Amino acid sequence: MVRVYLDDILVFSKDANDHTKTMKEVLQVLREHRLFAKAKKCEFHKQEMELLGLKVTTKGFEMEDKKVTEVQQWKPPKNMKGVWSFLGFCNFY
């Protein structure tokens, strides 16, 4: 499975063989359209990574631990402005 967000390409695979096959296909499509991936920005065969404030694992998507801690430590709002501020903060993440 391949997912693209702006200039990020994520490839999810069931196993290493499937991953290698899919990566070859992705790189071939990039080559055919004269697009290139910088090797120093690429990461292959990772079991876990962070992207856009999310932790992507073999089990799915989770919020980064840092973000969860920030929400848990947020002081309870004392008025409507505080509620809106908290909701805006949560919506950002």
C-alpha atoms as a PDB file:
ATOM      1  CA  MET A   1       0.000   0.000   0.000  1.00  0.00           C
ATOM      2  CA  VAL A   2       1.350   3.442  -0.918  1.00  0.00           C
ATOM      3  CA  ARG A   3       0.231   6.755   0.604  1.00  0.00           C
ATOM      4  CA  VAL A   4       1.466  10.167  -0.515  1.00  0.00           C
ATOM      5  CA  TYR A   5       1.189  13.428   1.424  1.00  0.00           C
ATOM      6  CA  LEU A   6       2.750  16.430  -0.322  1.00  0.00           C
ATOM      7  CA  ASP A   7       6.371  15.313  -0.759  1.00  0.00           C
ATOM      8  CA  ASP A   8       6.243  12.313   1.589  1.00  0.00           C
ATOM      9  CA  ILE A   9       5.708   8.800   0.257  1.00  0.00           C
ATOM     10  CA  LEU A  10       4.836   6.027   2.720  1.00  0.00           C
ATOM     11  CA  VAL A  11       4.934   2.404   1.668  1.00  0.00           C
ATOM     12  CA  PHE A  12       3.211  -0.160   3.918  1.00  0.00           C
ATOM     13  CA  SER A  13       3.823  -3.833   3.290  1.00  0.00           C
ATOM     14  CA  LYS A  14       2.896  -7.193   4.809  1.00  0.00           C
ATOM     15  CA  ASP A  15       6.420  -8.576   4.612  1.00  0.00           C
ATOM     16  CA  ALA A  16       9.936  -7.741   3.414  1.00  0.00           C
ATOM     17  CA  ASN A  17       9.481  -9.320  -0.027  1.00  0.00           C
ATOM     18  CA  ASP A  18       6.279  -7.388  -0.666  1.00  0.00           C
ATOM     19  CA  HIS A  19       7.971  -4.219   0.573  1.00  0.00           C
ATOM     20  CA  THR A  20      10.914  -4.635  -1.793  1.00  0.00           C
ATOM     21  CA  LYS A  21       8.587  -5.278  -4.737  1.00  0.00           C
ATOM     22  CA  THR A  22       6.418  -2.249  -3.943  1.00  0.00           C
ATOM     23  CA  MET A  23       9.461  -0.006  -3.436  1.00  0.00           C
ATOM     24  CA  LYS A  24      10.822  -0.998  -6.846  1.00  0.00           C
ATOM     25  CA  GLU A  25       7.461  -0.094  -8.408  1.00  0.00           C
ATOM     26  CA  VAL A  26       7.329   3.276  -6.612  1.00  0.00           C
ATOM     27  CA  LEU A  27      10.875   4.164  -7.624  1.00  0.00           C
ATOM     28  CA  GLN A  28      10.149   3.119 -11.219  1.00  0.00           C
ATOM     29  CA  VAL A  29       7.080   5.386 -11.373  1.00  0.00           C
ATOM     30  CA  LEU A  30       9.139   8.263  -9.982  1.00  0.00           C
ATOM     31  CA  ARG A  31      11.850   7.610 -12.582  1.00  0.00           C
ATOM     32  CA  GLU A  32       9.309   7.458 -15.431  1.00  0.00           C
ATOM     33  CA  HIS A  33       8.018  10.898 -14.432  1.00  0.00           C
ATOM     34  CA  ARG A  34      11.520  12.295 -13.943  1.00  0.00           C
ATOM     35  CA  LEU A  35      11.011  12.642 -10.197  1.00  0.00           C
ATOM     36  CA  PHE A  36      13.661  11.698  -7.702  1.00  0.00           C
ATOM     37  CA  ALA A  37      13.926  10.796  -4.029  1.00  0.00           C
ATOM     38  CA  LYS A  38      16.969  12.053  -2.119  1.00  0.00           C
ATOM     39  CA  ALA A  39      18.662   9.011  -0.627  1.00  0.00           C
ATOM     40  CA  LYS A  40      19.642  10.854   2.578  1.00  0.00           C
ATOM     41  CA  LYS A  41      15.951  11.634   3.235  1.00  0.00           C
ATOM     42  CA  CYS A  42      14.761   8.063   2.636  1.00  0.00           C
ATOM     43  CA  GLU A  43      14.216   5.443   5.316  1.00  0.00           C
ATOM     44  CA  PHE A  44      13.549   1.829   4.420  1.00  0.00           C
ATOM     45  CA  HIS A  45      12.220  -1.219   6.302  1.00  0.00           C
ATOM     46  CA  LYS A  46      11.212   0.753   9.403  1.00  0.00           C
ATOM     47  CA  GLN A  47       8.783  -0.724  11.907  1.00  0.00           C
ATOM     48  CA  GLU A  48       7.916   2.672  13.393  1.00  0.00           C
ATOM     49  CA  MET A  49       8.263   6.337  12.418  1.00  0.00           C
ATOM     50  CA  GLU A  50       6.852   9.767  13.202  1.00  0.00           C
ATOM     51  CA  LEU A  51       4.995  11.776  10.581  1.00  0.00           C
ATOM     52  CA  LEU A  52       2.837  14.888  10.941  1.00  0.00           C
ATOM     53  CA  GLY A  53       2.520  14.505  14.700  1.00  0.00           C
ATOM     54  CA  LEU A  54       1.569  10.843  14.444  1.00  0.00           C
ATOM     55  CA  LYS A  55       3.480   7.698  15.258  1.00  0.00           C
ATOM     56  CA  VAL A  56       3.096   5.220  12.396  1.00  0.00           C
ATOM     57  CA  THR A  57       3.680   1.622  13.479  1.00  0.00           C
ATOM     58  CA  THR A  58       3.004  -1.857  12.169  1.00  0.00           C
ATOM     59  CA  LYS A  59      -0.194  -1.726  14.274  1.00  0.00           C
ATOM     60  CA  GLY A  60      -1.478   1.511  12.737  1.00  0.00           C
ATOM     61  CA  PHE A  61      -1.456   5.198  13.625  1.00  0.00           C
ATOM     62  CA  GLU A  62      -1.086   6.650  17.130  1.00  0.00           C
ATOM     63  CA  MET A  63      -0.460  10.120  18.496  1.00  0.00           C
ATOM     64  CA  GLU A  64       3.144  10.870  19.399  1.00  0.00           C
ATOM     65  CA  ASP A  65       3.797  10.312  23.103  1.00  0.00           C
ATOM     66  CA  LYS A  66       4.885  13.946  23.474  1.00  0.00           C
ATOM     67  CA  LYS A  67       1.541  15.180  22.133  1.00  0.00           C
ATOM     68  CA  VAL A  68      -0.436  12.903  24.465  1.00  0.00           C
ATOM     69  CA  THR A  69       1.574  14.189  27.433  1.00  0.00           C
ATOM     70  CA  GLU A  70       0.912  17.811  26.423  1.00  0.00           C
ATOM     71  CA  VAL A  71      -2.839  17.192  26.321  1.00  0.00           C
ATOM     72  CA  GLN A  72      -2.780  15.362  29.655  1.00  0.00           C
ATOM     73  CA  GLN A  73      -0.868  18.194  31.327  1.00  0.00           C
ATOM     74  CA  TRP A  74      -3.128  20.962  29.980  1.00  0.00           C
ATOM     75  CA  LYS A  75      -4.644  22.919  32.860  1.00  0.00           C
ATOM     76  CA  PRO A  76      -8.445  22.646  33.050  1.00  0.00           C
ATOM     77  CA  PRO A  77     -10.142  25.644  31.430  1.00  0.00           C
ATOM     78  CA  LYS A  78     -11.809  28.130  33.756  1.00  0.00           C
ATOM     79  CA  ASN A  79     -13.974  29.920  31.206  1.00  0.00           C
ATOM     80  CA  MET A  80     -15.298  29.643  27.646  1.00  0.00           C
ATOM     81  CA  LYS A  81     -12.169  31.254  26.196  1.00  0.00           C
ATOM     82  CA  GLY A  82     -10.115  28.541  27.911  1.00  0.00           C
ATOM     83  CA  VAL A  83     -12.367  25.818  26.450  1.00  0.00           C
ATOM     84  CA  TRP A  84     -11.982  27.259  22.942  1.00  0.00           C
ATOM     85  CA  SER A  85      -8.224  27.502  23.445  1.00  0.00           C
ATOM     86  CA  PHE A  86      -8.034  23.839  24.492  1.00  0.00           C
ATOM     87  CA  LEU A  87     -10.230  22.705  21.582  1.00  0.00           C
ATOM     88  CA  GLY A  88      -8.048  24.671  19.157  1.00  0.00           C
ATOM     89  CA  PHE A  89      -4.959  23.076  20.652  1.00  0.00           C
ATOM     90  CA  CYS A  90      -6.447  19.578  20.319  1.00  0.00           C
ATOM     91  CA  ASN A  91      -7.624  20.261  16.772  1.00  0.00           C
ATOM     92  CA  PHE A  92      -4.098  21.322  15.816  1.00  0.00           C
ATOM     93  CA  TYR A  93      -2.773  17.940  16.875  1.00  0.00           C
END
